[in-house]
Amino acid sequence: MKRMAIIFSGLAGGMLILGIVENATNFRWTTGGQPGDQNPLFGNSHLLLNDGKVVLILSGLLIVASLAMWYLALRKGQSDQRQS
């Protein structure tokens, strides 16, 4: 569990950095800098987000998942110490 928490934390950190860079520079990595990087969120054509904002939302979800894994891993470690 601790290994998965480390992997998810690394992925979340990398995606967070990428999302901040994309959002701050407004560069479109996926289209090679070409216009048209707006994506409808959840299929709603009235709510358009650029790739940087989508990556920030996904990295936020990954951060929440990695925090939950860290909590479970630390809790499991404490219960293992009590048993021995």
N, C-alpha and C. Protein backbone atom coordinates (compact mmCIF):
# COMPACT_ATOMS: atom_id res chain seq x y z
N MET A 1 0.82 -1.19 0.00
CA MET A 1 0.00 0.00 0.00
C MET A 1 0.87 1.25 0.00
N LYS A 2 1.98 1.18 0.76
CA LYS A 2 2.85 2.35 0.84
C LYS A 2 3.51 2.61 -0.52
N ARG A 3 3.84 1.55 -1.24
CA ARG A 3 4.45 1.70 -2.56
C ARG A 3 3.48 2.36 -3.54
N MET A 4 2.21 1.96 -3.49
CA MET A 4 1.21 2.60 -4.35
C MET A 4 1.01 4.06 -3.99
N ALA A 5 1.06 4.38 -2.71
CA ALA A 5 0.92 5.77 -2.27
C ALA A 5 2.07 6.61 -2.79
N ILE A 6 3.29 6.06 -2.78
CA ILE A 6 4.44 6.78 -3.30
C ILE A 6 4.29 7.02 -4.80
N ILE A 7 3.86 6.00 -5.53
CA ILE A 7 3.68 6.13 -6.99
C ILE A 7 2.60 7.17 -7.31
N PHE A 8 1.48 7.10 -6.61
CA PHE A 8 0.40 8.05 -6.86
C PHE A 8 0.80 9.46 -6.50
N SER A 9 1.59 9.62 -5.44
CA SER A 9 2.06 10.95 -5.05
C SER A 9 2.97 11.53 -6.11
N GLY A 10 3.86 10.70 -6.67
CA GLY A 10 4.74 11.16 -7.74
C GLY A 10 3.97 11.55 -8.99
N LEU A 11 3.00 10.73 -9.37
CA LEU A 11 2.17 11.06 -10.54
C LEU A 11 1.36 12.34 -10.31
N ALA A 12 0.80 12.48 -9.12
CA ALA A 12 0.02 13.67 -8.82
C ALA A 12 0.89 14.92 -8.84
N GLY A 13 2.10 14.81 -8.29
CA GLY A 13 3.01 15.96 -8.31
C GLY A 13 3.41 16.35 -9.72
N GLY A 14 3.72 15.37 -10.55
CA GLY A 14 4.08 15.65 -11.94
C GLY A 14 2.93 16.27 -12.72
N MET A 15 1.73 15.73 -12.53
CA MET A 15 0.57 16.28 -13.22
C MET A 15 0.23 17.68 -12.72
N LEU A 16 0.44 17.92 -11.43
CA LEU A 16 0.19 19.25 -10.87
C LEU A 16 1.13 20.28 -11.49
N ILE A 17 2.40 19.92 -11.59
CA ILE A 17 3.37 20.83 -12.22
C ILE A 17 3.01 21.08 -13.68
N LEU A 18 2.67 20.01 -14.41
CA LEU A 18 2.29 20.17 -15.82
C LEU A 18 1.05 21.03 -15.97
N GLY A 19 0.05 20.83 -15.11
CA GLY A 19 -1.17 21.63 -15.17
C GLY A 19 -0.92 23.09 -14.87
N ILE A 20 -0.05 23.37 -13.89
CA ILE A 20 0.26 24.76 -13.57
C ILE A 20 0.98 25.43 -14.72
N VAL A 21 1.94 24.72 -15.33
CA VAL A 21 2.68 25.29 -16.47
C VAL A 21 1.75 25.53 -17.64
N GLU A 22 0.91 24.54 -17.96
CA GLU A 22 -0.02 24.71 -19.09
C GLU A 22 -1.01 25.84 -18.84
N ASN A 23 -1.50 25.94 -17.64
CA ASN A 23 -2.48 26.97 -17.33
C ASN A 23 -1.84 28.36 -17.32
N ALA A 24 -0.62 28.45 -16.78
CA ALA A 24 0.04 29.75 -16.68
C ALA A 24 0.51 30.25 -18.04
N THR A 25 1.06 29.36 -18.86
CA THR A 25 1.59 29.78 -20.16
C THR A 25 0.54 29.72 -21.26
N ASN A 26 -0.57 29.03 -21.00
CA ASN A 26 -1.62 28.84 -21.98
C ASN A 26 -1.09 28.12 -23.23
N PHE A 27 -0.04 27.29 -23.04
CA PHE A 27 0.50 26.50 -24.14
C PHE A 27 -0.30 25.22 -24.28
N ARG A 28 -0.50 24.80 -25.50
CA ARG A 28 -1.29 23.61 -25.78
C ARG A 28 -0.37 22.47 -26.16
N TRP A 29 0.02 21.64 -25.17
CA TRP A 29 0.97 20.55 -25.41
C TRP A 29 0.38 19.51 -26.34
N THR A 30 -0.87 19.18 -26.19
CA THR A 30 -1.45 18.07 -26.93
C THR A 30 -1.64 18.40 -28.40
N THR A 31 -1.81 19.65 -28.73
CA THR A 31 -2.03 20.01 -30.13
C THR A 31 -0.79 20.65 -30.75
N GLY A 32 0.34 20.60 -30.05
CA GLY A 32 1.56 21.17 -30.59
C GLY A 32 1.53 22.68 -30.68
N GLY A 33 0.79 23.33 -29.81
CA GLY A 33 0.71 24.78 -29.82
C GLY A 33 -0.35 25.34 -30.76
N GLN A 34 -1.10 24.44 -31.39
CA GLN A 34 -2.15 24.87 -32.31
C GLN A 34 -3.40 25.23 -31.52
N PRO A 35 -4.23 26.12 -32.05
CA PRO A 35 -5.48 26.45 -31.34
C PRO A 35 -6.45 25.27 -31.35
N GLY A 36 -7.37 25.31 -30.45
CA GLY A 36 -8.41 24.27 -30.40
C GLY A 36 -8.19 23.29 -29.28
N ASP A 37 -7.65 23.73 -28.17
CA ASP A 37 -7.41 22.79 -27.08
C ASP A 37 -8.53 22.81 -26.05
N GLN A 38 -9.64 23.44 -26.36
CA GLN A 38 -10.74 23.49 -25.40
C GLN A 38 -11.54 22.20 -25.46
N ASN A 39 -11.84 21.67 -24.28
CA ASN A 39 -12.55 20.41 -24.18
C ASN A 39 -13.82 20.60 -23.37
N PRO A 40 -14.93 20.01 -23.83
CA PRO A 40 -16.14 20.06 -23.01
C PRO A 40 -15.97 19.15 -21.80
N LEU A 41 -16.29 19.68 -20.62
CA LEU A 41 -16.19 18.89 -19.40
C LEU A 41 -17.47 18.10 -19.21
N PHE A 42 -17.36 16.80 -19.07
CA PHE A 42 -18.48 15.88 -18.89
C PHE A 42 -19.50 15.97 -20.04
N GLY A 43 -19.04 16.31 -21.23
CA GLY A 43 -19.91 16.36 -22.39
C GLY A 43 -20.79 17.58 -22.49
N ASN A 44 -20.66 18.51 -21.56
CA ASN A 44 -21.46 19.73 -21.57
C ASN A 44 -20.80 20.74 -22.50
N SER A 45 -21.42 21.02 -23.63
CA SER A 45 -20.80 21.89 -24.63
C SER A 45 -20.78 23.36 -24.19
N HIS A 46 -21.49 23.71 -23.12
CA HIS A 46 -21.48 25.08 -22.63
C HIS A 46 -20.35 25.33 -21.64
N LEU A 47 -19.73 24.26 -21.13
CA LEU A 47 -18.64 24.38 -20.16
C LEU A 47 -17.36 23.89 -20.82
N LEU A 48 -16.60 24.83 -21.40
CA LEU A 48 -15.36 24.50 -22.09
C LEU A 48 -14.16 24.85 -21.21
N LEU A 49 -13.24 23.91 -21.07
CA LEU A 49 -12.03 24.11 -20.29
C LEU A 49 -10.81 23.81 -21.16
N ASN A 50 -9.74 24.57 -20.96
CA ASN A 50 -8.52 24.25 -21.69
C ASN A 50 -7.81 23.08 -21.01
N ASP A 51 -6.79 22.55 -21.67
CA ASP A 51 -6.11 21.36 -21.17
C ASP A 51 -5.47 21.58 -19.81
N GLY A 52 -4.96 22.77 -19.55
CA GLY A 52 -4.32 23.05 -18.27
C GLY A 52 -5.28 22.91 -17.11
N LYS A 53 -6.50 23.39 -17.27
CA LYS A 53 -7.49 23.29 -16.20
C LYS A 53 -7.94 21.84 -16.00
N VAL A 54 -8.07 21.09 -17.10
CA VAL A 54 -8.46 19.69 -16.99
C VAL A 54 -7.38 18.90 -16.25
N VAL A 55 -6.10 19.17 -16.56
CA VAL A 55 -5.01 18.48 -15.88
C VAL A 55 -4.97 18.88 -14.40
N LEU A 56 -5.26 20.13 -14.08
CA LEU A 56 -5.31 20.55 -12.68
C LEU A 56 -6.43 19.84 -11.92
N ILE A 57 -7.57 19.67 -12.55
CA ILE A 57 -8.69 18.96 -11.90
C ILE A 57 -8.30 17.50 -11.65
N LEU A 58 -7.70 16.86 -12.66
CA LEU A 58 -7.32 15.46 -12.51
C LEU A 58 -6.20 15.28 -11.48
N SER A 59 -5.27 16.22 -11.44
CA SER A 59 -4.20 16.11 -10.44
C SER A 59 -4.76 16.31 -9.03
N GLY A 60 -5.76 17.16 -8.89
CA GLY A 60 -6.40 17.32 -7.60
C GLY A 60 -7.06 16.02 -7.13
N LEU A 61 -7.70 15.33 -8.06
CA LEU A 61 -8.30 14.04 -7.72
C LEU A 61 -7.24 13.01 -7.35
N LEU A 62 -6.11 13.02 -8.07
CA LEU A 62 -5.02 12.11 -7.74
C LEU A 62 -4.40 12.43 -6.38
N ILE A 63 -4.32 13.70 -6.05
CA ILE A 63 -3.79 14.09 -4.73
C ILE A 63 -4.70 13.57 -3.63
N VAL A 64 -6.01 13.69 -3.82
CA VAL A 64 -6.95 13.17 -2.82
C VAL A 64 -6.81 11.65 -2.69
N ALA A 65 -6.66 10.95 -3.82
CA ALA A 65 -6.49 9.50 -3.78
C ALA A 65 -5.19 9.11 -3.09
N SER A 66 -4.10 9.85 -3.38
CA SER A 66 -2.83 9.51 -2.75
C SER A 66 -2.85 9.81 -1.25
N LEU A 67 -3.54 10.88 -0.83
CA LEU A 67 -3.67 11.15 0.59
C LEU A 67 -4.45 10.04 1.30
N ALA A 68 -5.48 9.53 0.65
CA ALA A 68 -6.24 8.42 1.23
C ALA A 68 -5.37 7.17 1.34
N MET A 69 -4.53 6.92 0.33
CA MET A 69 -3.64 5.76 0.40
C MET A 69 -2.59 5.92 1.49
N TRP A 70 -2.05 7.14 1.64
CA TRP A 70 -1.08 7.38 2.71
C TRP A 70 -1.73 7.15 4.07
N TYR A 71 -2.95 7.62 4.23
CA TYR A 71 -3.66 7.45 5.50
C TYR A 71 -3.86 5.97 5.80
N LEU A 72 -4.30 5.20 4.79
CA LEU A 72 -4.52 3.78 5.00
C LEU A 72 -3.22 3.04 5.25
N ALA A 73 -2.15 3.42 4.56
CA ALA A 73 -0.86 2.76 4.75
C ALA A 73 -0.31 3.03 6.15
N LEU A 74 -0.41 4.27 6.61
CA LEU A 74 0.08 4.60 7.95
C LEU A 74 -0.77 3.94 9.04
N ARG A 75 -2.06 3.87 8.78
CA ARG A 75 -2.97 3.24 9.75
C ARG A 75 -2.68 1.74 9.84
N LYS A 76 -2.39 1.12 8.67
CA LYS A 76 -2.07 -0.30 8.66
C LYS A 76 -0.74 -0.54 9.37
N GLY A 77 0.22 0.36 9.18
CA GLY A 77 1.50 0.23 9.86
C GLY A 77 1.38 0.32 11.36
N GLN A 78 0.50 1.18 11.83
CA GLN A 78 0.29 1.32 13.28
C GLN A 78 -0.38 0.07 13.87
N SER A 79 -1.31 -0.52 13.13
CA SER A 79 -1.98 -1.71 13.65
C SER A 79 -1.02 -2.90 13.63
N ASP A 80 -0.09 -2.95 12.69
CA ASP A 80 0.90 -4.03 12.68
C ASP A 80 1.83 -3.92 13.88
N GLN A 81 2.18 -2.70 14.29
CA GLN A 81 3.06 -2.51 15.42
C GLN A 81 2.37 -2.89 16.73
N ARG A 82 1.08 -2.67 16.83
CA ARG A 82 0.35 -3.01 18.06
C ARG A 82 0.26 -4.52 18.25
N GLN A 83 0.16 -5.28 17.16
CA GLN A 83 0.00 -6.72 17.25
C GLN A 83 1.30 -7.41 17.69
N SER A 84 2.45 -6.83 17.37
CA SER A 84 3.71 -7.51 17.69
C SER A 84 4.25 -7.15 19.05
